Protein backbone atom coordinates (compact mmCIF):
# COMPACT_ATOMS: atom_id res chain seq x y z
CA UNK A 1 6.38 -11.49 6.83
CA UNK A 2 9.32 -9.72 5.22
CA UNK A 3 11.17 -11.23 2.28
CA UNK A 4 14.28 -11.42 4.47
CA UNK A 5 12.47 -13.43 7.15
CA UNK A 6 10.95 -15.68 4.52
CA UNK A 7 14.34 -16.43 3.00
CA UNK A 8 15.90 -17.10 6.41
CA UNK A 9 13.12 -19.60 7.19
CA UNK A 10 13.74 -21.36 3.88
CA UNK A 11 17.47 -21.47 4.57
CA UNK A 12 17.06 -22.75 8.13
CA UNK A 13 14.62 -25.44 7.01
CA UNK A 14 17.07 -26.64 4.36
CA UNK A 15 20.00 -26.67 6.78
CA UNK A 16 18.40 -28.23 9.82
CA UNK A 17 16.24 -30.88 8.15
CA UNK A 18 19.23 -33.14 8.62
CA UNK A 19 19.59 -36.28 10.80
CA UNK A 20 22.87 -34.99 12.25
CA UNK A 21 20.89 -32.59 14.46
CA UNK A 22 18.53 -35.29 15.73
CA UNK A 23 20.83 -38.04 16.95
CA UNK A 24 19.91 -37.23 20.56
CA UNK A 25 16.23 -36.62 20.02
CA UNK A 26 13.03 -38.62 20.66
CA UNK A 27 12.69 -39.39 16.95
CA UNK A 28 15.91 -41.41 17.19
CA UNK A 29 13.97 -44.24 18.84
CA UNK A 30 11.33 -45.01 16.19
CA UNK A 31 14.09 -44.42 13.62
CA UNK A 32 16.23 -47.03 15.36
CA UNK A 33 13.45 -49.58 14.95
CA UNK A 34 13.11 -48.58 11.30
CA UNK A 35 16.85 -49.13 10.79
CA UNK A 36 16.56 -52.54 12.45
CA UNK A 37 13.87 -53.54 9.97
CA UNK A 38 11.24 -53.82 12.69
CA UNK A 39 7.54 -54.12 11.96
CA UNK A 40 5.34 -51.09 11.41
CA UNK A 41 3.66 -51.89 14.73
CA UNK A 42 7.02 -51.80 16.56
CA UNK A 43 7.83 -48.45 14.97
CA UNK A 44 4.42 -46.98 15.74
CA UNK A 45 4.54 -48.06 19.38
CA UNK A 46 8.07 -46.69 19.72
CA UNK A 47 6.85 -43.41 18.21
CA UNK A 48 3.89 -43.25 20.62
CA UNK A 49 6.11 -43.52 23.68
CA UNK A 50 8.89 -41.33 22.25
CA UNK A 51 6.35 -38.59 21.60
CA UNK A 52 4.73 -39.10 25.01
CA UNK A 53 8.08 -38.68 26.79
CA UNK A 54 9.05 -35.64 24.71
CA UNK A 55 9.00 -32.88 27.28
CA UNK A 56 11.93 -31.53 29.25
CA UNK A 57 15.62 -31.53 28.35
CA UNK A 58 16.46 -33.65 25.33
CA UNK A 59 19.26 -35.41 27.22
CA UNK A 60 16.81 -36.47 29.94
CA UNK A 61 14.21 -37.59 27.41
CA UNK A 62 16.77 -39.74 25.58
CA UNK A 63 18.11 -41.20 28.82
CA UNK A 64 14.66 -42.19 30.04
CA UNK A 65 13.57 -43.58 26.68
CA UNK A 66 16.70 -45.75 26.58
CA UNK A 67 15.86 -47.10 30.03
CA UNK A 68 12.24 -47.63 29.01
CA UNK A 69 13.07 -49.62 25.87
CA UNK A 70 15.72 -51.58 27.76
CA UNK A 71 12.98 -52.77 30.11
CA UNK A 72 10.90 -53.71 27.05
CA UNK A 73 13.94 -55.62 25.70
CA UNK A 74 13.60 -53.48 22.57
CA UNK A 75 10.51 -55.44 21.54
CA UNK A 76 7.68 -52.92 21.99
CA UNK A 77 5.07 -54.85 20.01
CA UNK A 78 5.73 -58.09 21.93
CA UNK A 79 5.57 -56.18 25.20
CA UNK A 80 2.29 -54.44 24.36
CA UNK A 81 0.56 -57.53 23.04
CA UNK A 82 1.75 -59.72 25.94
CA UNK A 83 -0.56 -58.00 28.40
CA UNK A 84 2.18 -58.30 31.03
CA UNK A 85 3.04 -54.68 31.66
CA UNK A 86 4.97 -52.96 34.44
CA UNK A 87 2.23 -51.32 36.47
CA UNK A 88 3.80 -49.45 39.36
CA UNK A 89 3.72 -45.90 40.74
CA UNK A 90 7.45 -45.52 40.07
CA UNK A 91 8.43 -42.71 37.71
CA UNK A 92 9.76 -43.62 34.28
CA UNK A 93 10.11 -40.04 32.99
CA UNK A 94 9.44 -36.94 35.06
CA UNK A 95 5.79 -37.23 36.21
CA UNK A 96 5.06 -40.15 33.86
CA UNK A 97 4.72 -43.33 35.90
CA UNK A 98 4.99 -46.94 34.80
CA UNK A 99 1.29 -47.32 35.61
CA UNK A 100 0.52 -44.65 33.01
CA UNK A 101 2.53 -46.51 30.37
CA UNK A 102 0.64 -49.68 31.29
CA UNK A 103 -2.67 -47.95 30.58
CA UNK A 104 -1.36 -46.79 27.20
CA UNK A 105 -0.23 -50.35 26.49
CA UNK A 106 -3.70 -51.65 27.35
CA UNK A 107 -5.30 -49.26 24.88
CA UNK A 108 -2.70 -50.08 22.22
CA UNK A 109 -3.29 -53.82 22.67
CA UNK A 110 -7.02 -53.31 22.33
CA UNK A 111 -6.52 -51.21 19.19
CA UNK A 112 -4.07 -53.59 17.51
CA UNK A 113 -6.31 -56.55 18.26
CA UNK A 114 -8.67 -55.12 15.64
CA UNK A 115 -6.53 -52.84 13.44
CA UNK A 116 -3.25 -52.90 11.56
CA UNK A 117 -2.01 -49.32 11.92
CA UNK A 118 -2.55 -46.17 13.93
CA UNK A 119 -2.66 -44.23 10.68
CA UNK A 120 -6.45 -44.65 10.54
CA UNK A 121 -6.83 -42.47 13.65
CA UNK A 122 -7.01 -38.70 13.39
CA UNK A 123 -5.47 -36.45 16.03
CA UNK A 124 -8.60 -36.35 18.18
CA UNK A 125 -8.88 -40.14 18.11
CA UNK A 126 -5.22 -40.66 19.06
CA UNK A 127 -5.82 -38.34 22.01
CA UNK A 128 -8.79 -40.34 23.31
CA UNK A 129 -8.27 -43.89 22.02
CA UNK A 130 -4.52 -44.22 22.65
CA UNK A 131 -3.60 -41.66 25.29
CA UNK A 132 -6.93 -41.91 27.13
CA UNK A 133 -7.40 -38.16 27.46
CA UNK A 134 -10.72 -36.36 27.39
CA UNK A 135 -11.72 -34.72 24.10
CA UNK A 136 -10.49 -31.12 23.87
CA UNK A 137 -11.09 -29.58 20.44
CA UNK A 138 -8.97 -26.49 21.22
CA UNK A 139 -5.91 -28.34 22.51
CA UNK A 140 -2.71 -28.02 20.44
CA UNK A 141 -1.95 -31.77 20.99
CA UNK A 142 1.75 -31.17 20.51
CA UNK A 143 2.90 -34.75 21.07
CA UNK A 144 0.30 -36.16 18.67
CA UNK A 145 1.11 -33.65 15.93
CA UNK A 146 4.79 -34.45 16.43
CA UNK A 147 4.04 -38.17 16.14
CA UNK A 148 2.11 -37.49 12.94
CA UNK A 149 4.95 -35.38 11.54
CA UNK A 150 7.39 -38.22 12.15
CA UNK A 151 5.18 -40.82 10.53
CA UNK A 152 3.86 -38.79 7.56
CA UNK A 153 6.65 -36.55 6.25
CA UNK A 154 8.61 -38.53 3.68
CA UNK A 155 11.49 -36.55 2.25
CA UNK A 156 13.86 -39.28 3.39
CA UNK A 157 15.83 -37.12 5.80
CA UNK A 158 14.74 -36.85 9.47
CA UNK A 159 11.14 -38.05 9.43
CA UNK A 160 10.06 -41.63 8.74
CA UNK A 161 7.35 -41.28 6.11
CA UNK A 162 5.64 -44.61 6.76
CA UNK A 163 2.04 -43.38 6.72
CA UNK A 164 1.73 -43.07 2.98
CA UNK A 165 -2.07 -42.68 2.91
CA UNK A 166 -1.78 -39.39 4.82
CA UNK A 167 -0.96 -36.00 3.29
CA UNK A 168 1.85 -33.73 4.41
CA UNK A 169 -0.44 -30.79 3.55
CA UNK A 170 -2.72 -31.73 6.43
CA UNK A 171 -0.06 -31.79 9.17
CA UNK A 172 -0.08 -29.21 11.98
CA UNK A 173 3.02 -27.71 13.60
CA UNK A 174 3.71 -29.38 16.98
CA UNK A 175 3.25 -26.43 19.32
CA UNK A 176 5.14 -26.22 22.60
CA UNK A 177 6.47 -23.24 24.52
CA UNK A 178 9.73 -23.05 22.54
CA UNK A 179 8.02 -23.28 19.15
CA UNK A 180 5.53 -20.65 20.25
CA UNK A 181 8.22 -18.24 21.45
CA UNK A 182 10.26 -18.63 18.28
CA UNK A 183 7.22 -18.26 16.02
CA UNK A 184 6.04 -15.18 17.91
CA UNK A 185 9.49 -13.59 17.73
CA UNK A 186 9.48 -14.10 13.96
CA UNK A 187 6.01 -12.59 13.62
CA UNK A 188 4.34 -15.85 12.55
CA UNK A 189 1.62 -15.45 15.17
CA UNK A 190 0.17 -12.58 17.15
CA UNK A 191 -1.89 -14.80 19.42
CA UNK A 192 -1.04 -15.17 23.09
CA UNK A 193 -2.74 -18.47 23.87
CA UNK A 194 -0.81 -21.65 23.09
CA UNK A 195 -3.77 -23.54 21.68
CA UNK A 196 -4.85 -25.20 18.44
CA UNK A 197 -5.84 -21.90 16.83
CA UNK A 198 -2.30 -20.62 17.40
CA UNK A 199 -0.78 -23.83 16.04
CA UNK A 200 -2.96 -23.45 12.96
CA UNK A 201 -1.97 -19.80 12.51
CA UNK A 202 1.72 -20.74 12.59
CA UNK A 203 1.07 -23.68 10.26
CA UNK A 204 -0.78 -21.41 7.83
CA UNK A 205 2.16 -18.99 7.86
CA UNK A 206 4.46 -21.83 6.88
CA UNK A 207 1.95 -23.04 4.29
CA UNK A 208 2.62 -19.78 2.44
CA UNK A 209 6.28 -20.77 2.21
CA UNK A 210 5.99 -24.55 1.94
CA UNK A 211 2.52 -25.10 0.42
CA UNK A 212 2.60 -28.90 0.33
CA UNK A 213 4.72 -29.41 3.45
CA UNK A 214 4.04 -26.78 6.16
CA UNK A 215 5.70 -28.87 8.89
CA UNK A 216 9.01 -28.33 7.15
CA UNK A 217 8.70 -25.09 9.07
CA UNK A 218 9.32 -27.04 12.28
CA UNK A 219 12.94 -27.38 11.18
CA UNK A 220 13.10 -23.68 10.33
CA UNK A 221 12.04 -22.82 13.89
CA UNK A 222 14.61 -25.28 15.22
CA UNK A 223 17.21 -23.48 13.12
CA UNK A 224 16.09 -20.11 14.44
CA UNK A 225 16.51 -21.41 18.00
CA UNK A 226 20.01 -22.59 17.20
CA UNK A 227 20.90 -19.29 15.51
CA UNK A 228 19.81 -17.36 18.63
CA UNK A 229 22.31 -19.33 20.69
């Protein structure tokens, strides 16, 4: 990495780690519950579904999340714990159906019946226990790493910082196609596969710049994407 690239990444991270750029973004939904003074459980459940819906155009994601929480009457914890979930084959966001959200709700209800917070689950456990997916050690688990970034980073700007027992040093960059393309263009990875090893390589590159907070690099990549436009 050249010194010029390094400095640009630092500058982009500083500029774009700002709520003004994330008003129409999935993180706006758990943040809204935080602003309302909702319970940690409400915020966590909102974050689970916001992260789960986070693929496609941001405007579509925000639209569908608004409709989803409207149906929940903006009381996600009450909805989950009620056991009375919408369970239909109708789409709620792209290929995500209401029946899929009902299955997530069932697993959340079971978890919260015995535990206080999702923070006790690592990435692999969130994948299997909450999202009901098969174990896949090499998967980048973008939505889960994004959820963890939201809940752990605590600089008081964009992210929520409510999981105070977790360390920012241990976070992994949420890897999707756009993050991969931007990281590859900047020379942060030479790998072709979009898997966990690639996410770790990009994270390690940012760890050289932000040793205690590598996911600050997520905002730098966002800034690079904006600068290209």
